[in-house]
Amino acid sequence: MRVAVLLAVIAVFCAADAQKCALDGLMSSLTKSVASAVLGKVTLSCIDVPGSGFEVECPKGYKPTCCSCTNAGCYWDISNDQTCRCECFSVTMNRIGVIARCCKIAM
């Protein structure tokens, strides 16, 4: 709350003077400091989830970022924002696996 009040006061000072505001440097520094503090607490956690068959779903809270098909005659895609799926050129391929790289952002 204090930060918001401080930013409002600075904005009023700068709006009143059409010239370059003397507080621009302070505002920039404050913005960078807040962003740095927030980003310093963010972590990226990733896991590999193997599956047997043509698709595998990431666990709750994770999103697929990449997939891998164990057969060279296949390509992958991400469906419904949660599932890695292998699509194969030949319908006779019955031995296939897929691996999903699933990640989540945490604070």
PDB file of N, CA and C in Angstrom:
ATOM      1  N   MET A   1       0.827  -1.188   0.000  1.00  0.00           N
ATOM      2  CA  MET A   1       0.000   0.000   0.000  1.00  0.00           C
ATOM      3  C   MET A   1       0.870   1.251   0.000  1.00  0.00           C
ATOM      4  N   ARG A   2       1.922   1.230   0.803  1.00  0.00           N
ATOM      5  CA  ARG A   2       2.816   2.386   0.862  1.00  0.00           C
ATOM      6  C   ARG A   2       3.476   2.656  -0.482  1.00  0.00           C
ATOM      7  N   VAL A   3       3.838   1.573  -1.171  1.00  0.00           N
ATOM      8  CA  VAL A   3       4.464   1.717  -2.491  1.00  0.00           C
ATOM      9  C   VAL A   3       3.489   2.376  -3.454  1.00  0.00           C
ATOM     10  N   ALA A   4       2.225   1.972  -3.409  1.00  0.00           N
ATOM     11  CA  ALA A   4       1.217   2.548  -4.300  1.00  0.00           C
ATOM     12  C   ALA A   4       1.034   4.040  -4.034  1.00  0.00           C
ATOM     13  N   VAL A   5       1.001   4.434  -2.761  1.00  0.00           N
ATOM     14  CA  VAL A   5       0.865   5.845  -2.413  1.00  0.00           C
ATOM     15  C   VAL A   5       2.080   6.620  -2.906  1.00  0.00           C
ATOM     16  N   LEU A   6       3.280   6.062  -2.695  1.00  0.00           N
ATOM     17  CA  LEU A   6       4.499   6.718  -3.149  1.00  0.00           C
ATOM     18  C   LEU A   6       4.486   6.903  -4.668  1.00  0.00           C
ATOM     19  N   LEU A   7       4.072   5.875  -5.389  1.00  0.00           N
ATOM     20  CA  LEU A   7       4.009   5.974  -6.849  1.00  0.00           C
ATOM     21  C   LEU A   7       2.987   7.021  -7.281  1.00  0.00           C
ATOM     22  N   ALA A   8       1.860   7.123  -6.576  1.00  0.00           N
ATOM     23  CA  ALA A   8       0.845   8.124  -6.909  1.00  0.00           C
ATOM     24  C   ALA A   8       1.382   9.536  -6.697  1.00  0.00           C
ATOM     25  N   VAL A   9       2.106   9.761  -5.600  1.00  0.00           N
ATOM     26  CA  VAL A   9       2.684  11.077  -5.327  1.00  0.00           C
ATOM     27  C   VAL A   9       3.696  11.442  -6.409  1.00  0.00           C
ATOM     28  N   ILE A  10       4.529  10.497  -6.773  1.00  0.00           N
ATOM     29  CA  ILE A  10       5.529  10.745  -7.815  1.00  0.00           C
ATOM     30  C   ILE A  10       4.842  11.071  -9.141  1.00  0.00           C
ATOM     31  N   ALA A  11       3.783  10.336  -9.470  1.00  0.00           N
ATOM     32  CA  ALA A  11       3.056  10.578 -10.722  1.00  0.00           C
ATOM     33  C   ALA A  11       2.457  11.980 -10.745  1.00  0.00           C
ATOM     34  N   VAL A  12       1.908  12.440  -9.620  1.00  0.00           N
ATOM     35  CA  VAL A  12       1.328  13.780  -9.551  1.00  0.00           C
ATOM     36  C   VAL A  12       2.411  14.832  -9.754  1.00  0.00           C
ATOM     37  N   PHE A  13       3.568  14.649  -9.087  1.00  0.00           N
ATOM     38  CA  PHE A  13       4.680  15.589  -9.254  1.00  0.00           C
ATOM     39  C   PHE A  13       5.112  15.682 -10.713  1.00  0.00           C
ATOM     40  N   CYS A  14       5.240  14.531 -11.356  1.00  0.00           N
ATOM     41  CA  CYS A  14       5.725  14.505 -12.736  1.00  0.00           C
ATOM     42  C   CYS A  14       4.682  15.038 -13.713  1.00  0.00           C
ATOM     43  N   ALA A  15       3.406  14.797 -13.439  1.00  0.00           N
ATOM     44  CA  ALA A  15       2.347  15.282 -14.320  1.00  0.00           C
ATOM     45  C   ALA A  15       2.243  16.805 -14.250  1.00  0.00           C
ATOM     46  N   ALA A  16       2.547  17.386 -13.098  1.00  0.00           N
ATOM     47  CA  ALA A  16       2.448  18.833 -12.929  1.00  0.00           C
ATOM     48  C   ALA A  16       3.525  19.571 -13.711  1.00  0.00           C
ATOM     49  N   ASP A  17       4.635  18.921 -13.990  1.00  0.00           N
ATOM     50  CA  ASP A  17       5.751  19.549 -14.692  1.00  0.00           C
ATOM     51  C   ASP A  17       5.921  18.869 -16.042  1.00  0.00           C
ATOM     52  N   ALA A  18       5.633  19.591 -17.111  1.00  0.00           N
ATOM     53  CA  ALA A  18       5.753  19.008 -18.449  1.00  0.00           C
ATOM     54  C   ALA A  18       7.203  18.766 -18.832  1.00  0.00           C
ATOM     55  N   GLN A  19       8.139  19.416 -18.154  1.00  0.00           N
ATOM     56  CA  GLN A  19       9.562  19.209 -18.396  1.00  0.00           C
ATOM     57  C   GLN A  19       9.939  17.829 -17.859  1.00  0.00           C
ATOM     58  N   LYS A  20      11.158  17.437 -18.066  1.00  0.00           N
ATOM     59  CA  LYS A  20      11.641  16.153 -17.556  1.00  0.00           C
ATOM     60  C   LYS A  20      11.554  16.161 -16.036  1.00  0.00           C
ATOM     61  N   CYS A  21      10.881  15.225 -15.494  1.00  0.00           N
ATOM     62  CA  CYS A  21      10.678  15.140 -14.052  1.00  0.00           C
ATOM     63  C   CYS A  21      11.973  14.723 -13.371  1.00  0.00           C
ATOM     64  N   ALA A  22      12.316  15.411 -12.301  1.00  0.00           N
ATOM     65  CA  ALA A  22      13.536  15.087 -11.559  1.00  0.00           C
ATOM     66  C   ALA A  22      13.427  13.738 -10.865  1.00  0.00           C
ATOM     67  N   LEU A  23      12.205  13.246 -10.737  1.00  0.00           N
ATOM     68  CA  LEU A  23      12.002  11.975 -10.042  1.00  0.00           C
ATOM     69  C   LEU A  23      11.966  10.786 -10.994  1.00  0.00           C
ATOM     70  N   ASP A  24      12.182  11.036 -12.282  1.00  0.00           N
ATOM     71  CA  ASP A  24      12.174   9.931 -13.258  1.00  0.00           C
ATOM     72  C   ASP A  24      13.182   8.846 -12.895  1.00  0.00           C
ATOM     73  N   GLY A  25      14.383   9.268 -12.491  1.00  0.00           N
ATOM     74  CA  GLY A  25      15.413   8.298 -12.113  1.00  0.00           C
ATOM     75  C   GLY A  25      14.988   7.455 -10.925  1.00  0.00           C
ATOM     76  N   LEU A  26      14.358   8.111  -9.939  1.00  0.00           N
ATOM     77  CA  LEU A  26      13.879   7.401  -8.758  1.00  0.00           C
ATOM     78  C   LEU A  26      12.790   6.406  -9.143  1.00  0.00           C
ATOM     79  N   MET A  27      11.882   6.844  -9.994  1.00  0.00           N
ATOM     80  CA  MET A  27      10.787   5.983 -10.447  1.00  0.00           C
ATOM     81  C   MET A  27      11.335   4.759 -11.170  1.00  0.00           C
ATOM     82  N   SER A  28      12.281   4.959 -12.061  1.00  0.00           N
ATOM     83  CA  SER A  28      12.893   3.858 -12.807  1.00  0.00           C
ATOM     84  C   SER A  28      13.593   2.898 -11.866  1.00  0.00           C
ATOM     85  N   SER A  29      14.336   3.441 -10.922  1.00  0.00           N
ATOM     86  CA  SER A  29      15.065   2.622  -9.956  1.00  0.00           C
ATOM     87  C   SER A  29      14.105   1.823  -9.083  1.00  0.00           C
ATOM     88  N   LEU A  30      13.028   2.462  -8.654  1.00  0.00           N
ATOM     89  CA  LEU A  30      12.037   1.789  -7.820  1.00  0.00           C
ATOM     90  C   LEU A  30      11.364   0.656  -8.583  1.00  0.00           C
ATOM     91  N   THR A  31      11.007   0.897  -9.841  1.00  0.00           N
ATOM     92  CA  THR A  31      10.376  -0.126 -10.667  1.00  0.00           C
ATOM     93  C   THR A  31      11.298  -1.329 -10.850  1.00  0.00           C
ATOM     94  N   LYS A  32      12.559  -1.074 -11.144  1.00  0.00           N
ATOM     95  CA  LYS A  32      13.533  -2.160 -11.315  1.00  0.00           C
ATOM     96  C   LYS A  32      13.716  -2.930 -10.021  1.00  0.00           C
ATOM     97  N   SER A  33      13.727  -2.235  -8.891  1.00  0.00           N
ATOM     98  CA  SER A  33      13.908  -2.877  -7.598  1.00  0.00           C
ATOM     99  C   SER A  33      12.745  -3.810  -7.271  1.00  0.00           C
ATOM    100  N   VAL A  34      11.518  -3.342  -7.515  1.00  0.00           N
ATOM    101  CA  VAL A  34      10.337  -4.163  -7.248  1.00  0.00           C
ATOM    102  C   VAL A  34      10.322  -5.379  -8.171  1.00  0.00           C
ATOM    103  N   ALA A  35      10.607  -5.176  -9.454  1.00  0.00           N
ATOM    104  CA  ALA A  35      10.632  -6.284 -10.415  1.00  0.00           C
ATOM    105  C   ALA A  35      11.686  -7.307 -10.031  1.00  0.00           C
ATOM    106  N   SER A  36      12.842  -6.837  -9.618  1.00  0.00           N
ATOM    107  CA  SER A  36      13.925  -7.736  -9.217  1.00  0.00           C
ATOM    108  C   SER A  36      13.534  -8.554  -7.993  1.00  0.00           C
ATOM    109  N   ALA A  37      12.866  -7.917  -7.035  1.00  0.00           N
ATOM    110  CA  ALA A  37      12.448  -8.623  -5.824  1.00  0.00           C
ATOM    111  C   ALA A  37      11.434  -9.716  -6.141  1.00  0.00           C
ATOM    112  N   VAL A  38      10.503  -9.421  -7.035  1.00  0.00           N
ATOM    113  CA  VAL A  38       9.481 -10.407  -7.399  1.00  0.00           C
ATOM    114  C   VAL A  38      10.101 -11.551  -8.195  1.00  0.00           C
ATOM    115  N   LEU A  39      10.910 -11.215  -9.217  1.00  0.00           N
ATOM    116  CA  LEU A  39      11.506 -12.251 -10.061  1.00  0.00           C
ATOM    117  C   LEU A  39      12.508 -13.104  -9.292  1.00  0.00           C
ATOM    118  N   GLY A  40      13.098 -12.558  -8.256  1.00  0.00           N
ATOM    119  CA  GLY A  40      14.047 -13.326  -7.448  1.00  0.00           C
ATOM    120  C   GLY A  40      13.398 -14.468  -6.705  1.00  0.00           C
ATOM    121  N   LYS A  41      12.081 -14.408  -6.536  1.00  0.00           N
ATOM    122  CA  LYS A  41      11.355 -15.446  -5.801  1.00  0.00           C
ATOM    123  C   LYS A  41      10.689 -16.473  -6.712  1.00  0.00           C
ATOM    124  N   VAL A  42      10.771 -16.272  -8.021  1.00  0.00           N
ATOM    125  CA  VAL A  42      10.127 -17.166  -8.985  1.00  0.00           C
ATOM    126  C   VAL A  42      11.067 -18.317  -9.329  1.00  0.00           C
ATOM    127  N   THR A  43      10.514 -19.524  -9.331  1.00  0.00           N
ATOM    128  CA  THR A  43      11.297 -20.697  -9.727  1.00  0.00           C
ATOM    129  C   THR A  43      10.532 -21.471 -10.801  1.00  0.00           C
ATOM    130  N   LEU A  44      11.283 -22.137 -11.650  1.00  0.00           N
ATOM    131  CA  LEU A  44      10.711 -22.995 -12.681  1.00  0.00           C
ATOM    132  C   LEU A  44      11.045 -24.430 -12.324  1.00  0.00           C
ATOM    133  N   SER A  45      10.022 -25.241 -12.176  1.00  0.00           N
ATOM    134  CA  SER A  45      10.192 -26.644 -11.813  1.00  0.00           C
ATOM    135  C   SER A  45       9.688 -27.507 -12.964  1.00  0.00           C
ATOM    136  N   CYS A  46      10.548 -28.395 -13.474  1.00  0.00           N
ATOM    137  CA  CYS A  46      10.180 -29.247 -14.611  1.00  0.00           C
ATOM    138  C   CYS A  46      10.396 -30.717 -14.283  1.00  0.00           C
ATOM    139  N   ILE A  47       9.542 -31.563 -14.835  1.00  0.00           N
ATOM    140  CA  ILE A  47       9.664 -33.013 -14.683  1.00  0.00           C
ATOM    141  C   ILE A  47       9.410 -33.669 -16.035  1.00  0.00           C
ATOM    142  N   ASP A  48       9.935 -34.871 -16.222  1.00  0.00           N
ATOM    143  CA  ASP A  48       9.657 -35.676 -17.409  1.00  0.00           C
ATOM    144  C   ASP A  48       8.602 -36.718 -17.035  1.00  0.00           C
ATOM    145  N   VAL A  49       7.574 -36.823 -17.844  1.00  0.00           N
ATOM    146  CA  VAL A  49       6.501 -37.778 -17.587  1.00  0.00           C
ATOM    147  C   VAL A  49       6.429 -38.739 -18.777  1.00  0.00           C
ATOM    148  N   PRO A  50       6.894 -39.983 -18.595  1.00  0.00           N
ATOM    149  CA  PRO A  50       6.844 -40.952 -19.692  1.00  0.00           C
ATOM    150  C   PRO A  50       5.465 -41.613 -19.780  1.00  0.00           C
ATOM    151  N   GLY A  51       5.112 -42.033 -20.973  1.00  0.00           N
ATOM    152  CA  GLY A  51       3.857 -42.748 -21.170  1.00  0.00           C
ATOM    153  C   GLY A  51       4.035 -43.837 -22.204  1.00  0.00           C
ATOM    154  N   SER A  52       3.221 -44.859 -22.108  1.00  0.00           N
ATOM    155  CA  SER A  52       3.239 -45.899 -23.138  1.00  0.00           C
ATOM    156  C   SER A  52       1.940 -45.752 -23.916  1.00  0.00           C
ATOM    157  N   GLY A  53       2.048 -45.600 -25.171  1.00  0.00           N
ATOM    158  CA  GLY A  53       0.886 -45.318 -25.995  1.00  0.00           C
ATOM    159  C   GLY A  53       1.132 -44.038 -26.757  1.00  0.00           C
ATOM    160  N   PHE A  54       0.057 -43.436 -27.246  1.00  0.00           N
ATOM    161  CA  PHE A  54       0.191 -42.277 -28.121  1.00  0.00           C
ATOM    162  C   PHE A  54       0.109 -40.936 -27.395  1.00  0.00           C
ATOM    163  N   GLU A  55      -0.260 -40.913 -26.102  1.00  0.00           N
ATOM    164  CA  GLU A  55      -0.344 -39.640 -25.405  1.00  0.00           C
ATOM    165  C   GLU A  55      -0.075 -39.793 -23.913  1.00  0.00           C
ATOM    166  N   VAL A  56       0.325 -38.684 -23.324  1.00  0.00           N
ATOM    167  CA  VAL A  56       0.548 -38.637 -21.878  1.00  0.00           C
ATOM    168  C   VAL A  56       0.159 -37.243 -21.398  1.00  0.00           C
ATOM    169  N   GLU A  57      -0.440 -37.183 -20.220  1.00  0.00           N
ATOM    170  CA  GLU A  57      -0.917 -35.920 -19.668  1.00  0.00           C
ATOM    171  C   GLU A  57      -0.008 -35.462 -18.531  1.00  0.00           C
ATOM    172  N   CYS A  58       0.240 -34.178 -18.473  1.00  0.00           N
ATOM    173  CA  CYS A  58       1.031 -33.610 -17.378  1.00  0.00           C
ATOM    174  C   CYS A  58       0.196 -33.609 -16.099  1.00  0.00           C
ATOM    175  N   PRO A  59       0.861 -33.745 -14.940  1.00  0.00           N
ATOM    176  CA  PRO A  59       0.129 -33.696 -13.672  1.00  0.00           C
ATOM    177  C   PRO A  59      -0.507 -32.326 -13.446  1.00  0.00           C
ATOM    178  N   LYS A  60      -1.476 -32.278 -12.561  1.00  0.00           N
ATOM    179  CA  LYS A  60      -2.173 -31.030 -12.245  1.00  0.00           C
ATOM    180  C   LYS A  60      -1.171 -29.975 -11.776  1.00  0.00           C
ATOM    181  N   GLY A  61      -1.306 -28.774 -12.304  1.00  0.00           N
ATOM    182  CA  GLY A  61      -0.414 -27.674 -11.955  1.00  0.00           C
ATOM    183  C   GLY A  61       0.760 -27.511 -12.907  1.00  0.00           C
ATOM    184  N   TYR A  62       1.016 -28.516 -13.727  1.00  0.00           N
ATOM    185  CA  TYR A  62       2.101 -28.482 -14.708  1.00  0.00           C
ATOM    186  C   TYR A  62       1.522 -28.286 -16.103  1.00  0.00           C
ATOM    187  N   LYS A  63       2.319 -27.709 -16.987  1.00  0.00           N
ATOM    188  CA  LYS A  63       1.933 -27.538 -18.386  1.00  0.00           C
ATOM    189  C   LYS A  63       3.013 -28.152 -19.269  1.00  0.00           C
ATOM    190  N   PRO A  64       2.631 -28.828 -20.364  1.00  0.00           N
ATOM    191  CA  PRO A  64       3.642 -29.400 -21.262  1.00  0.00           C
ATOM    192  C   PRO A  64       4.379 -28.293 -22.021  1.00  0.00           C
ATOM    193  N   THR A  65       5.694 -28.383 -22.022  1.00  0.00           N
ATOM    194  CA  THR A  65       6.512 -27.420 -22.754  1.00  0.00           C
ATOM    195  C   THR A  65       7.169 -28.057 -23.967  1.00  0.00           C
ATOM    196  N   CYS A  66       7.262 -29.381 -23.969  1.00  0.00           N
ATOM    197  CA  CYS A  66       7.906 -30.117 -25.050  1.00  0.00           C
ATOM    198  C   CYS A  66       7.482 -31.577 -24.944  1.00  0.00           C
ATOM    199  N   CYS A  67       7.525 -32.267 -26.053  1.00  0.00           N
ATOM    200  CA  CYS A  67       7.189 -33.692 -26.080  1.00  0.00           C
ATOM    201  C   CYS A  67       8.222 -34.435 -26.915  1.00  0.00           C
ATOM    202  N   SER A  68       8.259 -35.750 -26.741  1.00  0.00           N
ATOM    203  CA  SER A  68       9.148 -36.574 -27.537  1.00  0.00           C
ATOM    204  C   SER A  68       8.451 -37.893 -27.840  1.00  0.00           C
ATOM    205  N   CYS A  69       8.516 -38.312 -29.098  1.00  0.00           N
ATOM    206  CA  CYS A  69       7.965 -39.599 -29.506  1.00  0.00           C
ATOM    207  C   CYS A  69       9.123 -40.575 -29.681  1.00  0.00           C
ATOM    208  N   THR A  70       8.921 -41.824 -29.268  1.00  0.00           N
ATOM    209  CA  THR A  70      10.006 -42.803 -29.331  1.00  0.00           C
ATOM    210  C   THR A  70      10.163 -43.431 -30.709  1.00  0.00           C
ATOM    211  N   ASN A  71       9.321 -43.073 -31.643  1.00  0.00           N
ATOM    212  CA  ASN A  71       9.419 -43.618 -32.985  1.00  0.00           C
ATOM    213  C   ASN A  71       9.694 -42.480 -33.964  1.00  0.00           C
ATOM    214  N   ALA A  72      10.664 -42.673 -34.833  1.00  0.00           N
ATOM    215  CA  ALA A  72      11.073 -41.619 -35.775  1.00  0.00           C
ATOM    216  C   ALA A  72       9.994 -41.293 -36.800  1.00  0.00           C
ATOM    217  N   GLY A  73       9.040 -42.160 -37.006  1.00  0.00           N
ATOM    218  CA  GLY A  73       7.985 -41.918 -37.983  1.00  0.00           C
ATOM    219  C   GLY A  73       6.821 -41.122 -37.415  1.00  0.00           C
ATOM    220  N   CYS A  74       7.042 -40.467 -36.288  1.00  0.00           N
ATOM    221  CA  CYS A  74       5.964 -39.745 -35.620  1.00  0.00           C
ATOM    222  C   CYS A  74       6.361 -38.302 -35.357  1.00  0.00           C
ATOM    223  N   TYR A  75       5.384 -37.462 -35.204  1.00  0.00           N
ATOM    224  CA  TYR A  75       5.610 -36.095 -34.754  1.00  0.00           C
ATOM    225  C   TYR A  75       4.699 -35.854 -33.560  1.00  0.00           C
ATOM    226  N   TRP A  76       4.972 -34.813 -32.800  1.00  0.00           N
ATOM    227  CA  TRP A  76       4.181 -34.569 -31.604  1.00  0.00           C
ATOM    228  C   TRP A  76       3.473 -33.228 -31.656  1.00  0.00           C
ATOM    229  N   ASP A  77       2.430 -33.150 -30.844  1.00  0.00           N
ATOM    230  CA  ASP A  77       1.754 -31.880 -30.627  1.00  0.00           C
ATOM    231  C   ASP A  77       1.204 -31.860 -29.202  1.00  0.00           C
ATOM    232  N   ILE A  78       0.802 -30.677 -28.780  1.00  0.00           N
ATOM    233  CA  ILE A  78       0.219 -30.515 -27.450  1.00  0.00           C
ATOM    234  C   ILE A  78      -1.259 -30.213 -27.648  1.00  0.00           C
ATOM    235  N   SER A  79      -2.100 -31.073 -27.075  1.00  0.00           N
ATOM    236  CA  SER A  79      -3.538 -30.862 -27.200  1.00  0.00           C
ATOM    237  C   SER A  79      -4.133 -30.444 -25.857  1.00  0.00           C
ATOM    238  N   ASN A  80      -5.214 -29.765 -25.891  1.00  0.00           N
ATOM    239  CA  ASN A  80      -5.977 -29.246 -24.752  1.00  0.00           C
ATOM    240  C   ASN A  80      -5.100 -28.629 -23.654  1.00  0.00           C
ATOM    241  N   ASP A  81      -3.928 -28.115 -24.037  1.00  0.00           N
ATOM    242  CA  ASP A  81      -3.033 -27.392 -23.129  1.00  0.00           C
ATOM    243  C   ASP A  81      -2.543 -28.245 -21.961  1.00  0.00           C
ATOM    244  N   GLN A  82      -2.681 -29.561 -22.061  1.00  0.00           N
ATOM    245  CA  GLN A  82      -2.298 -30.433 -20.945  1.00  0.00           C
ATOM    246  C   GLN A  82      -1.698 -31.762 -21.390  1.00  0.00           C
ATOM    247  N   THR A  83      -1.860 -32.123 -22.658  1.00  0.00           N
ATOM    248  CA  THR A  83      -1.515 -33.470 -23.106  1.00  0.00           C
ATOM    249  C   THR A  83      -0.530 -33.448 -24.270  1.00  0.00           C
ATOM    250  N   CYS A  84       0.530 -34.253 -24.154  1.00  0.00           N
ATOM    251  CA  CYS A  84       1.447 -34.487 -25.269  1.00  0.00           C
ATOM    252  C   CYS A  84       0.918 -35.680 -26.055  1.00  0.00           C
ATOM    253  N   ARG A  85       0.842 -35.514 -27.372  1.00  0.00           N
ATOM    254  CA  ARG A  85       0.301 -36.579 -28.217  1.00  0.00           C
ATOM    255  C   ARG A  85       1.229 -36.819 -29.393  1.00  0.00           C
ATOM    256  N   CYS A  86       1.490 -38.087 -29.686  1.00  0.00           N
ATOM    257  CA  CYS A  86       2.273 -38.459 -30.862  1.00  0.00           C
ATOM    258  C   CYS A  86       1.325 -38.820 -31.999  1.00  0.00           C
ATOM    259  N   GLU A  87       1.587 -38.248 -33.154  1.00  0.00           N
ATOM    260  CA  GLU A  87       0.842 -38.565 -34.372  1.00  0.00           C
ATOM    261  C   GLU A  87       1.816 -39.284 -35.299  1.00  0.00           C
ATOM    262  N   CYS A  88       1.411 -40.446 -35.785  1.00  0.00           N
ATOM    263  CA  CYS A  88       2.314 -41.250 -36.603  1.00  0.00           C
ATOM    264  C   CYS A  88       1.806 -41.352 -38.043  1.00  0.00           C
ATOM    265  N   PHE A  89       2.750 -41.471 -38.964  1.00  0.00           N
ATOM    266  CA  PHE A  89       2.421 -41.550 -40.387  1.00  0.00           C
ATOM    267  C   PHE A  89       1.821 -42.895 -40.760  1.00  0.00           C
ATOM    268  N   SER A  90       2.176 -43.943 -40.038  1.00  0.00           N
ATOM    269  CA  SER A  90       1.678 -45.276 -40.342  1.00  0.00           C
ATOM    270  C   SER A  90       0.748 -45.739 -39.219  1.00  0.00           C
ATOM    271  N   VAL A  91      -0.433 -46.198 -39.572  1.00  0.00           N
ATOM    272  CA  VAL A  91      -1.391 -46.667 -38.568  1.00  0.00           C
ATOM    273  C   VAL A  91      -0.999 -48.024 -37.999  1.00  0.00           C
ATOM    274  N   THR A  92      -0.024 -48.696 -38.596  1.00  0.00           N
ATOM    275  CA  THR A  92       0.389 -50.014 -38.116  1.00  0.00           C
ATOM    276  C   THR A  92       1.396 -49.926 -36.972  1.00  0.00           C
ATOM    277  N   MET A  93       1.829 -48.743 -36.634  1.00  0.00           N
ATOM    278  CA  MET A  93       2.785 -48.609 -35.524  1.00  0.00           C
ATOM    279  C   MET A  93       2.056 -48.812 -34.204  1.00  0.00           C
ATOM    280  N   ASN A  94       2.316 -49.925 -33.551  1.00  0.00           N
ATOM    281  CA  ASN A  94       1.643 -50.192 -32.293  1.00  0.00           C
ATOM    282  C   ASN A  94       2.581 -50.118 -31.089  1.00  0.00           C
ATOM    283  N   ARG A  95       3.870 -50.015 -31.328  1.00  0.00           N
ATOM    284  CA  ARG A  95       4.820 -49.904 -30.232  1.00  0.00           C
ATOM    285  C   ARG A  95       5.408 -48.501 -30.253  1.00  0.00           C
ATOM    286  N   ILE A  96       4.837 -47.665 -29.441  1.00  0.00           N
ATOM    287  CA  ILE A  96       5.283 -46.276 -29.406  1.00  0.00           C
ATOM    288  C   ILE A  96       5.179 -45.777 -27.967  1.00  0.00           C
ATOM    289  N   GLY A  97       5.957 -44.804 -27.667  1.00  0.00           N
ATOM    290  CA  GLY A  97       5.901 -44.156 -26.361  1.00  0.00           C
ATOM    291  C   GLY A  97       6.046 -42.669 -26.544  1.00  0.00           C
ATOM    292  N   VAL A  98       5.640 -41.950 -25.557  1.00  0.00           N
ATOM    293  CA  VAL A  98       5.736 -40.501 -25.593  1.00  0.00           C
ATOM    294  C   VAL A  98       6.252 -40.032 -24.241  1.00  0.00           C
ATOM    295  N   ILE A  99       7.047 -39.001 -24.266  1.00  0.00           N
ATOM    296  CA  ILE A  99       7.555 -38.384 -23.026  1.00  0.00           C
ATOM    297  C   ILE A  99       7.182 -36.917 -23.061  1.00  0.00           C
ATOM    298  N   ALA A 100       6.580 -36.447 -21.993  1.00  0.00           N
ATOM    299  CA  ALA A 100       6.203 -35.041 -21.874  1.00  0.00           C
ATOM    300  C   ALA A 100       7.167 -34.350 -20.918  1.00  0.00           C
ATOM    301  N   ARG A 101       7.619 -33.175 -21.303  1.00  0.00           N
ATOM    302  CA  ARG A 101       8.396 -32.312 -20.407  1.00  0.00           C
ATOM    303  C   ARG A 101       7.383 -31.334 -19.832  1.00  0.00           C
ATOM    304  N   CYS A 102       7.094 -31.472 -18.534  1.00  0.00           N
ATOM    305  CA  CYS A 102       6.053 -30.696 -17.877  1.00  0.00           C
ATOM    306  C   CYS A 102       6.686 -29.734 -16.879  1.00  0.00           C
ATOM    307  N   CYS A 103       6.275 -28.470 -16.939  1.00  0.00           N
ATOM    308  CA  CYS A 103       6.867 -27.450 -16.073  1.00  0.00           C
ATOM    309  C   CYS A 103       5.781 -26.634 -15.379  1.00  0.00           C
ATOM    310  N   LYS A 104       6.171 -26.043 -14.242  1.00  0.00           N
ATOM    311  CA  LYS A 104       5.293 -25.101 -13.556  1.00  0.00           C
ATOM    312  C   LYS A 104       6.138 -23.993 -12.958  1.00  0.00           C
ATOM    313  N   ILE A 105       5.526 -22.832 -12.827  1.00  0.00           N
ATOM    314  CA  ILE A 105       6.180 -21.678 -12.221  1.00  0.00           C
ATOM    315  C   ILE A 105       5.666 -21.557 -10.802  1.00  0.00           C
ATOM    316  N   ALA A 106       6.584 -21.380  -9.869  1.00  0.00           N
ATOM    317  CA  ALA A 106       6.201 -21.262  -8.465  1.00  0.00           C
ATOM    318  C   ALA A 106       6.895 -20.074  -7.833  1.00  0.00           C
ATOM    319  N   MET A 107       6.298 -19.548  -6.799  1.00  0.00           N
ATOM    320  CA  MET A 107       6.901 -18.426  -6.055  1.00  0.00           C
ATOM    321  C   MET A 107       7.225 -18.863  -4.641  1.00  0.00           C
TER     322      MET A 107
END
